[in-house]
Protein backbone atom coordinates (compact mmCIF):
# COMPACT_ATOMS: atom_id res chain seq x y z
CA UNK A 1 -23.09 26.63 -65.30
CA UNK A 2 -22.17 24.68 -68.37
CA UNK A 3 -23.71 25.62 -71.61
CA UNK A 4 -25.89 22.86 -73.06
CA UNK A 5 -25.13 24.20 -76.58
CA UNK A 6 -21.85 22.23 -76.29
CA UNK A 7 -23.63 18.92 -75.66
CA UNK A 8 -24.48 16.06 -77.96
CA UNK A 9 -27.91 17.28 -79.02
CA UNK A 10 -29.11 13.74 -79.67
CA UNK A 11 -28.42 13.06 -75.97
CA UNK A 12 -29.26 16.38 -74.40
CA UNK A 13 -30.90 15.03 -71.25
CA UNK A 14 -28.01 12.48 -70.67
CA UNK A 15 -25.48 15.23 -71.08
CA UNK A 16 -27.39 17.51 -68.70
CA UNK A 17 -27.50 14.81 -66.08
CA UNK A 18 -23.77 14.10 -66.58
CA UNK A 19 -22.68 17.78 -65.81
CA UNK A 20 -25.09 17.99 -62.86
CA UNK A 21 -23.40 14.71 -61.43
CA UNK A 22 -20.04 16.55 -61.81
CA UNK A 23 -21.38 19.39 -59.62
CA UNK A 24 -23.26 21.90 -61.83
CA UNK A 25 -26.21 23.41 -59.97
CA UNK A 26 -27.60 25.23 -63.03
CA UNK A 27 -27.55 24.73 -66.74
CA UNK A 28 -27.05 27.44 -69.21
CA UNK A 29 -29.34 27.21 -72.29
CA UNK A 30 -28.53 29.61 -75.22
CA UNK A 31 -31.82 30.35 -76.86
CA UNK A 32 -31.25 31.61 -80.40
CA UNK A 33 -33.92 32.50 -82.98
CA UNK A 34 -31.87 32.99 -86.12
CA UNK A 35 -32.93 36.67 -86.28
CA UNK A 36 -31.21 38.45 -83.31
CA UNK A 37 -28.07 36.31 -84.01
CA UNK A 38 -27.51 34.17 -87.17
CA UNK A 39 -27.54 30.94 -85.34
CA UNK A 40 -30.58 28.94 -84.51
CA UNK A 41 -30.83 26.68 -81.48
CA UNK A 42 -33.73 25.53 -79.45
CA UNK A 43 -36.94 27.09 -78.16
CA UNK A 44 -39.71 26.30 -75.71
CA UNK A 45 -40.56 22.80 -76.92
CA UNK A 46 -36.99 21.51 -76.42
CA UNK A 47 -36.79 23.32 -72.99
CA UNK A 48 -40.09 21.65 -71.99
CA UNK A 49 -38.81 18.23 -73.08
CA UNK A 50 -35.58 18.70 -71.12
CA UNK A 51 -37.51 19.90 -68.00
CA UNK A 52 -39.29 16.55 -68.01
CA UNK A 53 -35.93 14.89 -67.43
CA UNK A 54 -34.44 17.51 -65.13
CA UNK A 55 -37.06 18.66 -62.56
CA UNK A 56 -36.91 22.23 -61.28
CA UNK A 57 -35.67 21.10 -57.85
CA UNK A 58 -32.69 19.54 -59.47
CA UNK A 59 -31.36 22.44 -61.53
CA UNK A 60 -32.15 25.91 -62.54
CA UNK A 61 -32.30 26.59 -66.29
CA UNK A 62 -30.39 29.85 -67.00
CA UNK A 63 -31.94 30.70 -70.36
CA UNK A 64 -29.94 33.24 -72.39
CA UNK A 65 -32.47 34.78 -74.77
CA UNK A 66 -30.63 35.92 -77.95
CA UNK A 67 -33.89 36.58 -79.79
CA UNK A 68 -35.65 39.36 -81.53
CA UNK A 69 -38.67 40.61 -79.58
CA UNK A 70 -37.75 38.85 -76.34
CA UNK A 71 -40.88 40.00 -74.64
CA UNK A 72 -42.71 37.49 -76.89
CA UNK A 73 -40.66 34.67 -75.50
CA UNK A 74 -41.10 35.28 -71.76
CA UNK A 75 -44.34 33.52 -71.19
CA UNK A 76 -43.63 30.55 -73.58
CA UNK A 77 -40.26 30.01 -71.83
CA UNK A 78 -41.78 30.25 -68.43
CA UNK A 79 -44.43 27.69 -69.30
CA UNK A 80 -41.68 25.40 -70.74
CA UNK A 81 -39.84 25.34 -67.54
């Protein structure tokens, strides 16, 4: 699935829908905390906001957790969608 890290972040939901219309059945989300890797991306609040626009039946979110202490991220990410 396409990585949403390459999207226009100001239009994340629009870009997600666009790649789904082109045939993607899942969306890759790179979750980076700025510790495990030097980059910082998004976390549970952004995933939750995106999920409101892309219901679970429409696409799977493949969340690649590049974070320190990933066990602390599991429940918040699950709740986010």
